Amino acid sequence: MLDNQQEINNSVSKDENYAFIDLHMHTKHSHEDGCDITVEELLESCLKKIKNDQKCCISITDHNSINGVRKAR
């Protein structure tokens, strides 16, 4: 999923005031989707972007569970 985000970022405007924000991301806590990314991996990816002066925002939308959101807090 994160590779797709990078591909989209590369194909859109390079305006420094623009940021792609994926508002529909699942973690391992979303059992129905078979997603394999952990909350830690998701946050680590975001922190790498911030360290590279890129903007980052995530929205965890796991199905039938708020454990991923609790862990991210």
N, C-alpha and C. Protein backbone atom coordinates (compact mmCIF):
# COMPACT_ATOMS: atom_id res chain seq x y z
N MET A 1 0.83 -1.19 0.00
CA MET A 1 0.00 0.00 0.00
C MET A 1 0.87 1.25 0.00
N LEU A 2 1.94 1.28 0.77
CA LEU A 2 2.78 2.46 0.85
C LEU A 2 3.48 2.72 -0.48
N ASP A 3 3.81 1.67 -1.24
CA ASP A 3 4.40 1.86 -2.55
C ASP A 3 3.44 2.59 -3.48
N ASN A 4 2.16 2.27 -3.39
CA ASN A 4 1.15 2.94 -4.20
C ASN A 4 1.08 4.42 -3.84
N GLN A 5 1.20 4.73 -2.57
CA GLN A 5 1.16 6.13 -2.13
C GLN A 5 2.34 6.88 -2.74
N GLN A 6 3.52 6.29 -2.74
CA GLN A 6 4.69 6.95 -3.31
C GLN A 6 4.50 7.16 -4.81
N GLU A 7 3.93 6.18 -5.47
CA GLU A 7 3.67 6.31 -6.91
C GLU A 7 2.72 7.47 -7.19
N ILE A 8 1.69 7.60 -6.39
CA ILE A 8 0.74 8.70 -6.55
C ILE A 8 1.43 10.03 -6.26
N ASN A 9 2.23 10.08 -5.18
CA ASN A 9 2.95 11.31 -4.86
C ASN A 9 3.85 11.74 -6.01
N ASN A 10 4.48 10.79 -6.67
CA ASN A 10 5.38 11.11 -7.77
C ASN A 10 4.64 11.60 -9.00
N SER A 11 3.38 11.25 -9.14
CA SER A 11 2.65 11.58 -10.36
C SER A 11 1.82 12.85 -10.25
N VAL A 12 1.74 13.43 -9.06
CA VAL A 12 0.94 14.64 -8.87
C VAL A 12 1.83 15.86 -8.72
N SER A 13 1.23 16.99 -8.52
CA SER A 13 1.95 18.25 -8.40
C SER A 13 3.08 18.18 -7.39
N LYS A 14 4.19 18.84 -7.71
CA LYS A 14 5.34 18.89 -6.81
C LYS A 14 5.28 20.12 -5.90
N ASP A 15 4.14 20.78 -5.85
CA ASP A 15 3.96 21.96 -5.00
C ASP A 15 4.23 21.56 -3.55
N GLU A 16 5.09 22.32 -2.88
CA GLU A 16 5.47 21.97 -1.51
C GLU A 16 4.32 22.09 -0.52
N ASN A 17 3.24 22.75 -0.92
CA ASN A 17 2.07 22.88 -0.05
C ASN A 17 1.07 21.74 -0.25
N TYR A 18 1.42 20.81 -1.12
CA TYR A 18 0.54 19.69 -1.43
C TYR A 18 1.02 18.43 -0.72
N ALA A 19 0.09 17.65 -0.21
CA ALA A 19 0.44 16.36 0.39
C ALA A 19 -0.67 15.37 0.06
N PHE A 20 -0.27 14.17 -0.32
CA PHE A 20 -1.23 13.09 -0.51
C PHE A 20 -1.52 12.48 0.86
N ILE A 21 -2.79 12.37 1.20
CA ILE A 21 -3.18 11.78 2.48
C ILE A 21 -4.12 10.62 2.20
N ASP A 22 -3.67 9.43 2.55
CA ASP A 22 -4.49 8.24 2.36
C ASP A 22 -5.43 8.12 3.55
N LEU A 23 -6.70 8.34 3.34
CA LEU A 23 -7.68 8.33 4.43
C LEU A 23 -8.36 6.97 4.59
N HIS A 24 -7.79 5.93 4.00
CA HIS A 24 -8.38 4.61 4.13
C HIS A 24 -7.25 3.58 4.21
N MET A 25 -6.67 3.43 5.41
CA MET A 25 -5.55 2.51 5.60
C MET A 25 -5.91 1.46 6.66
N HIS A 26 -5.56 0.22 6.35
CA HIS A 26 -5.81 -0.87 7.28
C HIS A 26 -4.49 -1.39 7.83
N THR A 27 -4.57 -1.97 9.02
CA THR A 27 -3.40 -2.59 9.64
C THR A 27 -3.74 -4.06 9.91
N LYS A 28 -2.81 -4.76 10.55
CA LYS A 28 -3.05 -6.18 10.89
C LYS A 28 -4.28 -6.35 11.78
N HIS A 29 -4.71 -5.27 12.43
CA HIS A 29 -5.88 -5.36 13.30
C HIS A 29 -7.18 -5.46 12.52
N SER A 30 -7.14 -5.21 11.22
CA SER A 30 -8.31 -5.32 10.37
C SER A 30 -8.33 -6.73 9.78
N HIS A 31 -8.84 -7.67 10.54
CA HIS A 31 -8.74 -9.09 10.21
C HIS A 31 -9.42 -9.47 8.91
N GLU A 32 -10.48 -8.79 8.53
CA GLU A 32 -11.23 -9.14 7.33
C GLU A 32 -10.46 -8.83 6.04
N ASP A 33 -9.51 -7.91 6.10
CA ASP A 33 -8.84 -7.44 4.89
C ASP A 33 -7.55 -8.17 4.58
N GLY A 34 -7.03 -8.92 5.52
CA GLY A 34 -5.79 -9.63 5.30
C GLY A 34 -4.58 -8.71 5.13
N CYS A 35 -4.67 -7.51 5.66
CA CYS A 35 -3.57 -6.56 5.56
C CYS A 35 -2.42 -7.03 6.44
N ASP A 36 -1.21 -6.82 5.96
CA ASP A 36 -0.04 -7.36 6.65
C ASP A 36 0.82 -6.30 7.33
N ILE A 37 0.44 -5.02 7.27
CA ILE A 37 1.27 -3.96 7.86
C ILE A 37 0.88 -3.75 9.32
N THR A 38 1.90 -3.60 10.15
CA THR A 38 1.64 -3.33 11.57
C THR A 38 1.52 -1.83 11.78
N VAL A 39 0.95 -1.46 12.90
CA VAL A 39 0.84 -0.04 13.25
C VAL A 39 2.23 0.57 13.34
N GLU A 40 3.18 -0.17 13.91
CA GLU A 40 4.55 0.33 14.04
C GLU A 40 5.17 0.62 12.67
N GLU A 41 4.94 -0.27 11.70
CA GLU A 41 5.47 -0.06 10.34
C GLU A 41 4.84 1.17 9.68
N LEU A 42 3.56 1.35 9.90
CA LEU A 42 2.86 2.49 9.35
C LEU A 42 3.40 3.79 9.93
N LEU A 43 3.58 3.82 11.25
CA LEU A 43 4.11 5.02 11.90
C LEU A 43 5.57 5.27 11.52
N GLU A 44 6.35 4.21 11.39
CA GLU A 44 7.75 4.34 10.99
C GLU A 44 7.85 4.96 9.59
N SER A 45 6.99 4.54 8.69
CA SER A 45 6.97 5.09 7.34
C SER A 45 6.66 6.59 7.38
N CYS A 46 5.73 6.97 8.23
CA CYS A 46 5.36 8.37 8.36
C CYS A 46 6.52 9.17 8.95
N LEU A 47 7.19 8.64 9.95
CA LEU A 47 8.32 9.35 10.57
C LEU A 47 9.46 9.54 9.58
N LYS A 48 9.70 8.55 8.71
CA LYS A 48 10.74 8.69 7.68
C LYS A 48 10.43 9.86 6.76
N LYS A 49 9.16 10.01 6.40
CA LYS A 49 8.77 11.12 5.54
C LYS A 49 9.00 12.46 6.23
N ILE A 50 8.65 12.52 7.50
CA ILE A 50 8.83 13.77 8.26
C ILE A 50 10.32 14.12 8.34
N LYS A 51 11.18 13.11 8.56
CA LYS A 51 12.62 13.34 8.62
C LYS A 51 13.17 13.84 7.29
N ASN A 52 12.51 13.50 6.19
CA ASN A 52 12.92 13.94 4.85
C ASN A 52 12.17 15.21 4.42
N ASP A 53 11.65 15.94 5.40
CA ASP A 53 10.92 17.19 5.15
C ASP A 53 9.70 17.00 4.27
N GLN A 54 9.09 15.83 4.36
CA GLN A 54 7.84 15.58 3.64
C GLN A 54 6.70 15.59 4.64
N LYS A 55 5.53 15.90 4.15
CA LYS A 55 4.35 15.89 5.02
C LYS A 55 3.83 14.46 5.16
N CYS A 56 3.21 14.19 6.28
CA CYS A 56 2.66 12.85 6.49
C CYS A 56 1.43 12.92 7.39
N CYS A 57 0.43 12.18 6.99
CA CYS A 57 -0.79 12.07 7.77
C CYS A 57 -1.36 10.68 7.49
N ILE A 58 -1.86 10.03 8.50
CA ILE A 58 -2.46 8.71 8.30
C ILE A 58 -3.85 8.67 8.92
N SER A 59 -4.63 7.76 8.41
CA SER A 59 -5.96 7.52 8.95
C SER A 59 -6.14 6.00 8.99
N ILE A 60 -6.22 5.45 10.18
CA ILE A 60 -6.37 4.01 10.33
C ILE A 60 -7.86 3.67 10.32
N THR A 61 -8.26 2.82 9.39
CA THR A 61 -9.68 2.50 9.21
C THR A 61 -9.90 0.99 9.24
N ASP A 62 -9.36 0.35 10.27
CA ASP A 62 -9.53 -1.10 10.41
C ASP A 62 -11.00 -1.46 10.58
N HIS A 63 -11.36 -2.62 10.07
CA HIS A 63 -12.74 -3.10 10.19
C HIS A 63 -12.94 -3.81 11.52
N ASN A 64 -14.01 -3.50 12.20
CA ASN A 64 -14.44 -4.19 13.42
C ASN A 64 -13.41 -4.16 14.53
N SER A 65 -12.53 -3.17 14.55
CA SER A 65 -11.52 -3.09 15.59
C SER A 65 -10.99 -1.66 15.69
N ILE A 66 -10.78 -1.19 16.92
CA ILE A 66 -10.11 0.09 17.12
C ILE A 66 -8.74 -0.09 17.77
N ASN A 67 -8.29 -1.33 17.82
CA ASN A 67 -7.01 -1.62 18.47
C ASN A 67 -5.83 -0.96 17.76
N GLY A 68 -5.87 -0.85 16.45
CA GLY A 68 -4.80 -0.19 15.71
C GLY A 68 -4.71 1.28 16.06
N VAL A 69 -5.86 1.92 16.19
CA VAL A 69 -5.90 3.34 16.56
C VAL A 69 -5.38 3.51 17.98
N ARG A 70 -5.81 2.65 18.88
CA ARG A 70 -5.34 2.72 20.27
C ARG A 70 -3.81 2.57 20.32
N LYS A 71 -3.29 1.66 19.53
CA LYS A 71 -1.84 1.41 19.53
C LYS A 71 -1.09 2.61 18.97
N ALA A 72 -1.66 3.28 17.97
CA ALA A 72 -1.01 4.43 17.34
C ALA A 72 -0.97 5.65 18.25
N ARG A 73 -1.88 5.74 19.16
CA ARG A 73 -1.93 6.90 20.05
C ARG A 73 -0.69 6.96 20.84
